[in-house]
Structures are given as structure tokens and as C-alpha cells.
C-alpha atoms as a PDB file:
ATOM      1  CA  MET A   1     -44.499  97.899 -52.835  1.00  0.00           C
ATOM      2  CA  LYS A   2     -44.998  95.449 -55.677  1.00  0.00           C
ATOM      3  CA  GLN A   3     -41.366  95.782 -56.702  1.00  0.00           C
ATOM      4  CA  ILE A   4     -40.230  94.980 -53.192  1.00  0.00           C
ATOM      5  CA  LEU A   5     -42.478  91.900 -53.021  1.00  0.00           C
ATOM      6  CA  PHE A   6     -41.181  90.777 -56.472  1.00  0.00           C
ATOM      7  CA  HIS A   7     -37.587  90.967 -55.211  1.00  0.00           C
ATOM      8  CA  PHE A   8     -38.431  88.884 -52.133  1.00  0.00           C
ATOM      9  CA  TYR A   9     -40.288  86.416 -54.320  1.00  0.00           C
ATOM     10  CA  PHE A  10     -37.364  86.291 -56.794  1.00  0.00           C
ATOM     11  CA  ASP A  11     -34.911  85.690 -53.990  1.00  0.00           C
ATOM     12  CA  TYR A  12     -36.977  82.760 -52.672  1.00  0.00           C
ATOM     13  CA  THR A  13     -37.247  81.175 -56.071  1.00  0.00           C
ATOM     14  CA  MET A  14     -33.517  81.364 -56.714  1.00  0.00           C
ATOM     15  CA  GLN A  15     -32.685  79.226 -53.629  1.00  0.00           C
ATOM     16  CA  LYS A  16     -33.158  75.675 -52.461  1.00  0.00           C
ATOM     17  CA  PHE A  17     -35.842  75.520 -49.788  1.00  0.00           C
ATOM     18  CA  SER A  18     -34.855  74.218 -46.341  1.00  0.00           C
ATOM     19  CA  GLN A  19     -36.969  71.439 -44.762  1.00  0.00           C
ATOM     20  CA  GLU A  20     -38.018  73.995 -42.138  1.00  0.00           C
ATOM     21  CA  GLN A  21     -39.442  76.256 -44.834  1.00  0.00           C
ATOM     22  CA  LEU A  22     -41.262  73.316 -46.495  1.00  0.00           C
ATOM     23  CA  ILE A  23     -42.687  72.131 -43.192  1.00  0.00           C
ATOM     24  CA  GLN A  24     -43.916  75.707 -42.497  1.00  0.00           C
ATOM     25  CA  TYR A  25     -45.487  75.651 -45.976  1.00  0.00           C
ATOM     26  CA  LEU A  26     -47.286  72.362 -45.282  1.00  0.00           C
ATOM     27  CA  TYR A  27     -48.616  73.575 -41.980  1.00  0.00           C
ATOM     28  CA  GLY A  28     -49.686  76.846 -43.492  1.00  0.00           C
ATOM     29  CA  ASP A  29     -47.347  78.788 -41.352  1.00  0.00           C
ATOM     30  CA  CYS A  30     -45.187  80.601 -43.874  1.00  0.00           C
ATOM     31  CA  SER A  31     -45.400  83.966 -45.458  1.00  0.00           C
ATOM     32  CA  PRO A  32     -47.530  84.424 -48.562  1.00  0.00           C
ATOM     33  CA  ILE A  33     -44.405  85.171 -50.606  1.00  0.00           C
ATOM     34  CA  LEU A  34     -42.726  81.947 -49.470  1.00  0.00           C
ATOM     35  CA  LYS A  35     -45.910  80.084 -50.229  1.00  0.00           C
ATOM     36  CA  LEU A  36     -46.045  81.422 -53.755  1.00  0.00           C
ATOM     37  CA  ALA A  37     -42.331  80.760 -54.264  1.00  0.00           C
ATOM     38  CA  ILE A  38     -42.600  77.124 -53.188  1.00  0.00           C
ATOM     39  CA  GLU A  39     -45.777  76.569 -55.281  1.00  0.00           C
ATOM     40  CA  LYS A  40     -44.164  78.080 -58.358  1.00  0.00           C
ATOM     41  CA  ALA A  41     -40.927  76.069 -57.804  1.00  0.00           C
ATOM     42  CA  MET A  42     -42.870  72.825 -57.514  1.00  0.00           C
ATOM     43  CA  LEU A  43     -44.391  73.348 -60.952  1.00  0.00           C
ATOM     44  CA  ASP A  44     -40.909  72.792 -62.496  1.00  0.00           C
ATOM     45  CA  ASP A  45     -38.918  70.901 -59.831  1.00  0.00           C
ATOM     46  CA  LEU A  46     -39.745  67.217 -59.667  1.00  0.00           C
ATOM     47  CA  LEU A  47     -37.261  66.709 -56.794  1.00  0.00           C
ATOM     48  CA  LEU A  48     -38.956  69.455 -54.762  1.00  0.00           C
ATOM     49  CA  GLN A  49     -42.342  67.855 -55.524  1.00  0.00           C
ATOM     50  CA  LYS A  50     -41.101  64.520 -54.220  1.00  0.00           C
ATOM     51  CA  GLU A  51     -39.565  66.100 -51.042  1.00  0.00           C
ATOM     52  CA  VAL A  52     -42.813  67.909 -50.314  1.00  0.00           C
ATOM     53  CA  LYS A  53     -44.840  64.660 -50.829  1.00  0.00           C
ATOM     54  CA  THR A  54     -42.431  62.780 -48.548  1.00  0.00           C
ATOM     55  CA  LEU A  55     -42.829  65.434 -45.855  1.00  0.00           C
ATOM     56  CA  GLN A  56     -46.621  65.324 -46.263  1.00  0.00           C
ATOM     57  CA  ARG A  57     -46.592  61.510 -45.750  1.00  0.00           C
ATOM     58  CA  THR A  58     -44.334  61.901 -42.725  1.00  0.00           C
ATOM     59  CA  ILE A  59     -46.596  64.491 -41.169  1.00  0.00           C
ATOM     60  CA  LYS A  60     -49.599  62.244 -41.841  1.00  0.00           C
ATOM     61  CA  GLN A  61     -47.890  59.262 -40.204  1.00  0.00           C
ATOM     62  CA  LEU A  62     -46.821  61.401 -37.171  1.00  0.00           C
ATOM     63  CA  SER A  63     -50.409  62.646 -36.601  1.00  0.00           C
ATOM     64  CA  LYS A  64     -51.542  58.953 -36.430  1.00  0.00           C
ATOM     65  CA  LEU A  65     -49.124  58.123 -33.558  1.00  0.00           C
ATOM     66  CA  LYS A  66     -50.730  57.865 -30.222  1.00  0.00           C
ATOM     67  CA  THR A  67     -48.736  59.549 -27.554  1.00  0.00           C
ATOM     68  CA  GLN A  68     -48.496  57.966 -24.138  1.00  0.00           C
ATOM     69  CA  SER A  69     -47.854  59.603 -20.866  1.00  0.00           C
ATOM     70  CA  PRO A  70     -44.904  58.385 -18.864  1.00  0.00           C
ATOM     71  CA  SER A  71     -45.687  56.009 -15.980  1.00  0.00           C
ATOM     72  CA  ASN A  72     -46.042  57.259 -12.522  1.00  0.00           C
ATOM     73  CA  GLY A  73     -42.826  55.428 -11.587  1.00  0.00           C
ATOM     74  CA  SER A  74     -40.944  57.374 -14.316  1.00  0.00           C
ATOM     75  CA  ILE A  75     -42.454  60.646 -13.126  1.00  0.00           C
ATOM     76  CA  ASP A  76     -41.512  59.884  -9.523  1.00  0.00           C
ATOM     77  CA  ALA A  77     -37.927  58.910 -10.498  1.00  0.00           C
ATOM     78  CA  ILE A  78     -37.482  62.168 -12.486  1.00  0.00           C
ATOM     79  CA  LEU A  79     -38.947  64.307  -9.602  1.00  0.00           C
ATOM     80  CA  LYS A  80     -36.690  62.489  -7.077  1.00  0.00           C
ATOM     81  CA  TYR A  81     -33.644  62.962  -9.283  1.00  0.00           C
ATOM     82  CA  ALA A  82     -34.463  66.731  -9.752  1.00  0.00           C
ATOM     83  CA  ALA A  83     -34.943  67.182  -5.989  1.00  0.00           C
ATOM     84  CA  ASN A  84     -31.633  65.444  -5.216  1.00  0.00           C
ATOM     85  CA  THR A  85     -29.795  67.468  -7.885  1.00  0.00           C
ATOM     86  CA  SER A  86     -31.108  70.773  -6.639  1.00  0.00           C
ATOM     87  CA  LYS A  87     -30.066  69.989  -3.000  1.00  0.00           C
ATOM     88  CA  LYS A  88     -26.501  69.486  -4.131  1.00  0.00           C
ATOM     89  CA  LYS A  89     -26.173  72.984  -5.605  1.00  0.00           C
END
């Protein structure tokens, strides 16, 4: 089992990580092997460190945004459009 895990770990460390993988890492939603691979790669890769820090800042900024519900007029227009479109089919 350890040998299999090593091969997966080795495969991860030999590739460039996608933004999706890095985002999964930052949200704690990646496999333990991917987490280890990213953390190990960041020890030596300054560009990867910078990319992860940039994504961290982006996530922090996005979490600060206040979402707003659409206005009642917008909702009514969408529902009206959907009703008209479904009648035509």
C-alpha cells in the first residue's frame, strides 16, 4: 500500500498543478496525497507559492462580497419569459 501511495505522490509532484487542484487544496477538499504533493512542491517552487497566495487573496476577497438577490421585477420578467417560452414548444 505504501508503494502505491508513493507512486501517486510521485506522479503529483512531477506535474504542474491546475488551478482547480489548488483551489481544492485551499478549501481543504483534496485528497491527502494531493495535499502533501502541493505542500512539498511549494517548499521549492516560488512561482507555485505566489500562485497559491494569489488564490488565497482572491478567495478572501470573494468571501467579503455581499451577494444581492435580484429585484422582484427581474424575477417576474424571468418567470414571464420562461412561461412564454414553454408555451411555444
